[in-house]
């Protein structure tokens, strides 16, 4: 959301490390789906780049929750 152009990595770490590298151009929107599969002890989450049509369709029912003000910060 509102990231400057450049190279980015989306990384998920559970029993295994899964990463996705992508490049953003100026004004470009990219969609990354987090796909869950079962591992030995925990689920594995894999980031997957999806096309714009799929991303826009799947994100249409999502809601953004800002939890930052919910818990007081420790000094």
PDB file of N, CA and C in Angstrom:
ATOM      1  N   UNK A   1       0.846  -1.180   0.000  1.00  0.00           N
ATOM      2  CA  UNK A   1       0.000   0.000   0.000  1.00  0.00           C
ATOM      3  C   UNK A   1       0.887   1.238   0.000  1.00  0.00           C
ATOM      4  N   UNK A   2       0.948   1.920  -1.131  1.00  0.00           N
ATOM      5  CA  UNK A   2       1.680   3.162  -1.210  1.00  0.00           C
ATOM      6  C   UNK A   2       3.184   3.013  -1.076  1.00  0.00           C
ATOM      7  N   UNK A   3       3.758   1.962  -1.609  1.00  0.00           N
ATOM      8  CA  UNK A   3       5.203   1.734  -1.517  1.00  0.00           C
ATOM      9  C   UNK A   3       5.906   2.415  -2.694  1.00  0.00           C
ATOM     10  N   UNK A   4       7.101   2.948  -2.467  1.00  0.00           N
ATOM     11  CA  UNK A   4       7.864   3.548  -3.560  1.00  0.00           C
ATOM     12  C   UNK A   4       8.377   2.473  -4.525  1.00  0.00           C
ATOM     13  N   UNK A   5       8.712   2.865  -5.752  1.00  0.00           N
ATOM     14  CA  UNK A   5       9.252   1.899  -6.715  1.00  0.00           C
ATOM     15  C   UNK A   5      10.506   1.226  -6.167  1.00  0.00           C
ATOM     16  N   UNK A   6      10.710  -0.019  -6.579  1.00  0.00           N
ATOM     17  CA  UNK A   6      11.909  -0.739  -6.153  1.00  0.00           C
ATOM     18  C   UNK A   6      11.675  -2.228  -6.068  1.00  0.00           C
ATOM     19  N   UNK A   7      12.676  -2.914  -5.558  1.00  0.00           N
ATOM     20  CA  UNK A   7      12.616  -4.367  -5.385  1.00  0.00           C
ATOM     21  C   UNK A   7      12.178  -4.686  -3.966  1.00  0.00           C
ATOM     22  N   UNK A   8      11.315  -5.684  -3.829  1.00  0.00           N
ATOM     23  CA  UNK A   8      10.779  -6.074  -2.523  1.00  0.00           C
ATOM     24  C   UNK A   8      10.796  -7.580  -2.385  1.00  0.00           C
ATOM     25  N   UNK A   9      10.834  -8.029  -1.137  1.00  0.00           N
ATOM     26  CA  UNK A   9      10.696  -9.443  -0.812  1.00  0.00           C
ATOM     27  C   UNK A   9       9.570  -9.606   0.193  1.00  0.00           C
ATOM     28  N   UNK A  10       8.729 -10.590  -0.062  1.00  0.00           N
ATOM     29  CA  UNK A  10       7.700 -10.973   0.887  1.00  0.00           C
ATOM     30  C   UNK A  10       8.176 -12.294   1.470  1.00  0.00           C
ATOM     31  N   UNK A  11       8.409 -12.322   2.781  1.00  0.00           N
ATOM     32  CA  UNK A  11       8.939 -13.525   3.406  1.00  0.00           C
ATOM     33  C   UNK A  11       8.054 -14.023   4.526  1.00  0.00           C
ATOM     34  N   UNK A  12       7.885 -15.327   4.588  1.00  0.00           N
ATOM     35  CA  UNK A  12       7.101 -15.981   5.622  1.00  0.00           C
ATOM     36  C   UNK A  12       8.001 -17.045   6.254  1.00  0.00           C
ATOM     37  N   UNK A  13       8.062 -17.070   7.583  1.00  0.00           N
ATOM     38  CA  UNK A  13       8.937 -18.007   8.270  1.00  0.00           C
ATOM     39  C   UNK A  13       8.137 -18.853   9.260  1.00  0.00           C
ATOM     40  N   UNK A  14       8.068 -20.146   9.013  1.00  0.00           N
ATOM     41  CA  UNK A  14       7.513 -21.099   9.973  1.00  0.00           C
ATOM     42  C   UNK A  14       8.576 -22.182  10.131  1.00  0.00           C
ATOM     43  N   UNK A  15       8.243 -23.452   9.896  1.00  0.00           N
ATOM     44  CA  UNK A  15       9.268 -24.503   9.874  1.00  0.00           C
ATOM     45  C   UNK A  15      10.226 -24.288   8.701  1.00  0.00           C
ATOM     46  N   UNK A  16       9.694 -23.710   7.656  1.00  0.00           N
ATOM     47  CA  UNK A  16      10.481 -23.436   6.456  1.00  0.00           C
ATOM     48  C   UNK A  16      10.346 -21.955   6.107  1.00  0.00           C
ATOM     49  N   UNK A  17      11.308 -21.468   5.358  1.00  0.00           N
ATOM     50  CA  UNK A  17      11.305 -20.068   4.945  1.00  0.00           C
ATOM     51  C   UNK A  17      10.844 -20.006   3.492  1.00  0.00           C
ATOM     52  N   UNK A  18       9.778 -19.254   3.251  1.00  0.00           N
ATOM     53  CA  UNK A  18       9.248 -19.089   1.894  1.00  0.00           C
ATOM     54  C   UNK A  18       9.348 -17.615   1.530  1.00  0.00           C
ATOM     55  N   UNK A  19       9.876 -17.316   0.354  1.00  0.00           N
ATOM     56  CA  UNK A  19      10.048 -15.930  -0.061  1.00  0.00           C
ATOM     57  C   UNK A  19       9.570 -15.717  -1.484  1.00  0.00           C
ATOM     58  N   UNK A  20       9.134 -14.503  -1.739  1.00  0.00           N
ATOM     59  CA  UNK A  20       8.740 -14.074  -3.069  1.00  0.00           C
ATOM     60  C   UNK A  20       9.411 -12.733  -3.321  1.00  0.00           C
ATOM     61  N   UNK A  21      10.122 -12.615  -4.420  1.00  0.00           N
ATOM     62  CA  UNK A  21      10.743 -11.351  -4.806  1.00  0.00           C
ATOM     63  C   UNK A  21       9.902 -10.719  -5.906  1.00  0.00           C
ATOM     64  N   UNK A  22       9.722  -9.410  -5.823  1.00  0.00           N
ATOM     65  CA  UNK A  22       8.969  -8.703  -6.852  1.00  0.00           C
ATOM     66  C   UNK A  22       9.490  -7.282  -6.992  1.00  0.00           C
ATOM     67  N   UNK A  23       9.187  -6.673  -8.118  1.00  0.00           N
ATOM     68  CA  UNK A  23       9.592  -5.300  -8.398  1.00  0.00           C
ATOM     69  C   UNK A  23       8.348  -4.455  -8.603  1.00  0.00           C
ATOM     70  N   UNK A  24       8.348  -3.277  -8.000  1.00  0.00           N
ATOM     71  CA  UNK A  24       7.258  -2.321  -8.182  1.00  0.00           C
ATOM     72  C   UNK A  24       7.743  -1.168  -9.040  1.00  0.00           C
ATOM     73  N   UNK A  25       6.976  -0.839 -10.067  1.00  0.00           N
ATOM     74  CA  UNK A  25       7.219   0.359 -10.857  1.00  0.00           C
ATOM     75  C   UNK A  25       6.412   1.500 -10.244  1.00  0.00           C
ATOM     76  N   UNK A  26       6.686   2.715 -10.651  1.00  0.00           N
ATOM     77  CA  UNK A  26       5.974   3.878 -10.116  1.00  0.00           C
ATOM     78  C   UNK A  26       4.468   3.736 -10.363  1.00  0.00           C
ATOM     79  N   UNK A  27       3.671   3.832  -9.288  1.00  0.00           N
ATOM     80  CA  UNK A  27       2.209   3.754  -9.382  1.00  0.00           C
ATOM     81  C   UNK A  27       1.657   2.354  -9.578  1.00  0.00           C
ATOM     82  N   UNK A  28       2.504   1.353  -9.609  1.00  0.00           N
ATOM     83  CA  UNK A  28       2.056  -0.016  -9.861  1.00  0.00           C
ATOM     84  C   UNK A  28       1.478  -0.650  -8.597  1.00  0.00           C
ATOM     85  N   UNK A  29       0.455  -1.457  -8.797  1.00  0.00           N
ATOM     86  CA  UNK A  29      -0.150  -2.234  -7.717  1.00  0.00           C
ATOM     87  C   UNK A  29       0.095  -3.699  -8.017  1.00  0.00           C
ATOM     88  N   UNK A  30       0.598  -4.435  -7.035  1.00  0.00           N
ATOM     89  CA  UNK A  30       0.820  -5.875  -7.175  1.00  0.00           C
ATOM     90  C   UNK A  30       0.022  -6.575  -6.085  1.00  0.00           C
ATOM     91  N   UNK A  31      -0.418  -7.779  -6.359  1.00  0.00           N
ATOM     92  CA  UNK A  31      -1.210  -8.554  -5.412  1.00  0.00           C
ATOM     93  C   UNK A  31      -0.475  -9.845  -5.056  1.00  0.00           C
ATOM     94  N   UNK A  32      -0.335 -10.091  -3.749  1.00  0.00           N
ATOM     95  CA  UNK A  32       0.314 -11.301  -3.252  1.00  0.00           C
ATOM     96  C   UNK A  32      -0.693 -12.065  -2.408  1.00  0.00           C
ATOM     97  N   UNK A  33      -0.933 -13.301  -2.791  1.00  0.00           N
ATOM     98  CA  UNK A  33      -1.831 -14.175  -2.034  1.00  0.00           C
ATOM     99  C   UNK A  33      -0.966 -15.018  -1.086  1.00  0.00           C
ATOM    100  N   UNK A  34      -1.444 -15.223   0.131  1.00  0.00           N
ATOM    101  CA  UNK A  34      -0.765 -16.094   1.078  1.00  0.00           C
ATOM    102  C   UNK A  34      -1.492 -17.435   1.090  1.00  0.00           C
ATOM    103  N   UNK A  35      -0.817 -18.449   0.588  1.00  0.00           N
ATOM    104  CA  UNK A  35      -1.401 -19.776   0.426  1.00  0.00           C
ATOM    105  C   UNK A  35      -0.948 -20.676   1.566  1.00  0.00           C
ATOM    106  N   UNK A  36      -1.889 -21.313   2.269  1.00  0.00           N
ATOM    107  CA  UNK A  36      -1.570 -22.180   3.403  1.00  0.00           C
ATOM    108  C   UNK A  36      -1.605 -23.651   2.989  1.00  0.00           C
ATOM    109  N   UNK A  37      -0.570 -24.391   3.413  1.00  0.00           N
ATOM    110  CA  UNK A  37      -0.526 -25.841   3.229  1.00  0.00           C
ATOM    111  C   UNK A  37      -0.096 -26.463   4.555  1.00  0.00           C
ATOM    112  N   UNK A  38      -0.385 -27.729   4.733  1.00  0.00           N
ATOM    113  CA  UNK A  38      -0.046 -28.393   5.984  1.00  0.00           C
ATOM    114  C   UNK A  38       1.383 -28.910   5.953  1.00  0.00           C
ATOM    115  N   UNK A  39       2.124 -28.616   7.026  1.00  0.00           N
ATOM    116  CA  UNK A  39       3.471 -29.132   7.191  1.00  0.00           C
ATOM    117  C   UNK A  39       3.464 -30.223   8.244  1.00  0.00           C
ATOM    118  N   UNK A  40       4.636 -30.572   8.750  1.00  0.00           N
ATOM    119  CA  UNK A  40       4.738 -31.637   9.744  1.00  0.00           C
ATOM    120  C   UNK A  40       4.110 -31.221  11.076  1.00  0.00           C
ATOM    121  N   UNK A  41       4.501 -30.051  11.595  1.00  0.00           N
ATOM    122  CA  UNK A  41       3.995 -29.606  12.894  1.00  0.00           C
ATOM    123  C   UNK A  41       3.088 -28.384  12.789  1.00  0.00           C
ATOM    124  N   UNK A  42       3.334 -27.554  11.807  1.00  0.00           N
ATOM    125  CA  UNK A  42       2.554 -26.323  11.641  1.00  0.00           C
ATOM    126  C   UNK A  42       2.225 -26.131  10.167  1.00  0.00           C
ATOM    127  N   UNK A  43       1.338 -25.185   9.914  1.00  0.00           N
ATOM    128  CA  UNK A  43       1.029 -24.860   8.519  1.00  0.00           C
ATOM    129  C   UNK A  43       2.192 -24.112   7.891  1.00  0.00           C
ATOM    130  N   UNK A  44       2.378 -24.312   6.603  1.00  0.00           N
ATOM    131  CA  UNK A  44       3.340 -23.537   5.828  1.00  0.00           C
ATOM    132  C   UNK A  44       2.557 -22.490   5.051  1.00  0.00           C
ATOM    133  N   UNK A  45       3.036 -21.270   5.082  1.00  0.00           N
ATOM    134  CA  UNK A  45       2.398 -20.178   4.351  1.00  0.00           C
ATOM    135  C   UNK A  45       3.345 -19.763   3.236  1.00  0.00           C
ATOM    136  N   UNK A  46       2.841 -19.772   2.005  1.00  0.00           N
ATOM    137  CA  UNK A  46       3.655 -19.416   0.851  1.00  0.00           C
ATOM    138  C   UNK A  46       3.079 -18.187   0.162  1.00  0.00           C
ATOM    139  N   UNK A  47       3.904 -17.150  -0.064  1.00  0.00           N
ATOM    140  CA  UNK A  47       3.434 -15.994  -0.822  1.00  0.00           C
ATOM    141  C   UNK A  47       3.426 -16.318  -2.313  1.00  0.00           C
ATOM    142  N   UNK A  48       2.363 -15.909  -2.991  1.00  0.00           N
ATOM    143  CA  UNK A  48       2.205 -16.188  -4.421  1.00  0.00           C
ATOM    144  C   UNK A  48       1.724 -14.920  -5.117  1.00  0.00           C
ATOM    145  N   UNK A  49       2.456 -14.461  -6.114  1.00  0.00           N
ATOM    146  CA  UNK A  49       2.061 -13.295  -6.891  1.00  0.00           C
ATOM    147  C   UNK A  49       0.907 -13.677  -7.810  1.00  0.00           C
ATOM    148  N   UNK A  50      -0.178 -12.902  -7.777  1.00  0.00           N
ATOM    149  CA  UNK A  50      -1.330 -13.187  -8.638  1.00  0.00           C
ATOM    150  C   UNK A  50      -1.568 -12.011  -9.570  1.00  0.00           C
ATOM    151  N   UNK A  51      -2.265 -12.271 -10.673  1.00  0.00           N
ATOM    152  CA  UNK A  51      -2.538 -11.224 -11.652  1.00  0.00           C
ATOM    153  C   UNK A  51      -3.526 -10.201 -11.085  1.00  0.00           C
ATOM    154  N   UNK A  52      -3.601  -9.039 -11.723  1.00  0.00           N
ATOM    155  CA  UNK A  52      -4.438  -7.943 -11.224  1.00  0.00           C
ATOM    156  C   UNK A  52      -5.910  -8.324 -11.096  1.00  0.00           C
ATOM    157  N   UNK A  53      -6.450  -9.011 -12.083  1.00  0.00           N
ATOM    158  CA  UNK A  53      -7.870  -9.379 -12.050  1.00  0.00           C
ATOM    159  C   UNK A  53      -8.174 -10.282 -10.857  1.00  0.00           C
ATOM    160  N   UNK A  54      -7.332 -11.274 -10.632  1.00  0.00           N
ATOM    161  CA  UNK A  54      -7.515 -12.181  -9.499  1.00  0.00           C
ATOM    162  C   UNK A  54      -7.356 -11.435  -8.188  1.00  0.00           C
ATOM    163  N   UNK A  55      -6.314 -10.618  -8.074  1.00  0.00           N
ATOM    164  CA  UNK A  55      -6.054  -9.867  -6.854  1.00  0.00           C
ATOM    165  C   UNK A  55      -7.186  -8.922  -6.499  1.00  0.00           C
ATOM    166  N   UNK A  56      -7.671  -8.175  -7.487  1.00  0.00           N
ATOM    167  CA  UNK A  56      -8.775  -7.238  -7.236  1.00  0.00           C
ATOM    168  C   UNK A  56     -10.040  -7.969  -6.835  1.00  0.00           C
ATOM    169  N   UNK A  57     -10.307  -9.113  -7.450  1.00  0.00           N
ATOM    170  CA  UNK A  57     -11.491  -9.903  -7.125  1.00  0.00           C
ATOM    171  C   UNK A  57     -11.416 -10.454  -5.702  1.00  0.00           C
ATOM    172  N   UNK A  58     -10.254 -10.998  -5.329  1.00  0.00           N
ATOM    173  CA  UNK A  58     -10.123 -11.630  -4.020  1.00  0.00           C
ATOM    174  C   UNK A  58     -10.031 -10.627  -2.877  1.00  0.00           C
ATOM    175  N   UNK A  59      -9.504  -9.449  -3.145  1.00  0.00           N
ATOM    176  CA  UNK A  59      -9.346  -8.463  -2.071  1.00  0.00           C
ATOM    177  C   UNK A  59     -10.631  -7.639  -1.854  1.00  0.00           C
ATOM    178  N   UNK A  60     -11.575  -7.754  -2.760  1.00  0.00           N
ATOM    179  CA  UNK A  60     -12.803  -6.948  -2.692  1.00  0.00           C
ATOM    180  C   UNK A  60     -13.574  -7.156  -1.384  1.00  0.00           C
ATOM    181  N   UNK A  61     -13.500  -8.341  -0.797  1.00  0.00           N
ATOM    182  CA  UNK A  61     -14.251  -8.618   0.433  1.00  0.00           C
ATOM    183  C   UNK A  61     -13.378  -8.518   1.685  1.00  0.00           C
ATOM    184  N   UNK A  62     -12.118  -8.101   1.527  1.00  0.00           N
ATOM    185  CA  UNK A  62     -11.225  -7.971   2.685  1.00  0.00           C
ATOM    186  C   UNK A  62     -11.436  -6.629   3.377  1.00  0.00           C
ATOM    187  N   UNK A  63     -11.095  -6.589   4.640  1.00  0.00           N
ATOM    188  CA  UNK A  63     -11.181  -5.365   5.433  1.00  0.00           C
ATOM    189  C   UNK A  63      -9.841  -5.118   6.103  1.00  0.00           C
ATOM    190  N   UNK A  64      -9.451  -3.862   6.203  1.00  0.00           N
ATOM    191  CA  UNK A  64      -8.198  -3.493   6.852  1.00  0.00           C
ATOM    192  C   UNK A  64      -8.492  -3.117   8.292  1.00  0.00           C
ATOM    193  N   UNK A  65      -7.790  -3.746   9.216  1.00  0.00           N
ATOM    194  CA  UNK A  65      -7.944  -3.451  10.640  1.00  0.00           C
ATOM    195  C   UNK A  65      -6.647  -2.824  11.122  1.00  0.00           C
ATOM    196  N   UNK A  66      -6.738  -1.651  11.710  1.00  0.00           N
ATOM    197  CA  UNK A  66      -5.564  -0.997  12.279  1.00  0.00           C
ATOM    198  C   UNK A  66      -5.542  -1.282  13.772  1.00  0.00           C
ATOM    199  N   UNK A  67      -4.692  -2.211  14.177  1.00  0.00           N
ATOM    200  CA  UNK A  67      -4.606  -2.628  15.570  1.00  0.00           C
ATOM    201  C   UNK A  67      -3.585  -1.807  16.342  1.00  0.00           C
ATOM    202  N   UNK A  68      -2.936  -0.860  15.695  1.00  0.00           N
ATOM    203  CA  UNK A  68      -1.827  -0.153  16.324  1.00  0.00           C
ATOM    204  C   UNK A  68      -2.235   0.609  17.594  1.00  0.00           C
ATOM    205  N   UNK A  69      -3.448   1.106  17.681  1.00  0.00           N
ATOM    206  CA  UNK A  69      -3.868   1.850  18.857  1.00  0.00           C
ATOM    207  C   UNK A  69      -4.544   1.010  19.918  1.00  0.00           C
ATOM    208  N   UNK A  70      -4.681  -0.293  19.656  1.00  0.00           N
ATOM    209  CA  UNK A  70      -5.403  -1.149  20.574  1.00  0.00           C
ATOM    210  C   UNK A  70      -4.611  -1.446  21.841  1.00  0.00           C
ATOM    211  N   UNK A  71      -3.324  -1.655  21.708  1.00  0.00           N
ATOM    212  CA  UNK A  71      -2.489  -2.008  22.850  1.00  0.00           C
ATOM    213  C   UNK A  71      -1.551  -0.849  23.174  1.00  0.00           C
ATOM    214  N   UNK A  72      -1.441  -0.475  24.445  1.00  0.00           N
ATOM    215  CA  UNK A  72      -0.514   0.611  24.790  1.00  0.00           C
ATOM    216  C   UNK A  72       0.926   0.189  24.532  1.00  0.00           C
ATOM    217  N   UNK A  73       1.728   1.140  24.085  1.00  0.00           N
ATOM    218  CA  UNK A  73       3.139   0.859  23.830  1.00  0.00           C
ATOM    219  C   UNK A  73       3.938   0.991  25.099  1.00  0.00           C
ATOM    220  N   UNK A  74       4.901   0.131  25.275  1.00  0.00           N
ATOM    221  CA  UNK A  74       5.782   0.186  26.447  1.00  0.00           C
ATOM    222  C   UNK A  74       6.897   1.180  26.173  1.00  0.00           C
ATOM    223  N   UNK A  75       7.269   1.906  27.223  1.00  0.00           N
ATOM    224  CA  UNK A  75       8.346   2.893  27.085  1.00  0.00           C
ATOM    225  C   UNK A  75       9.695   2.241  27.084  1.00  0.00           C
TER     226      UNK A  75
END
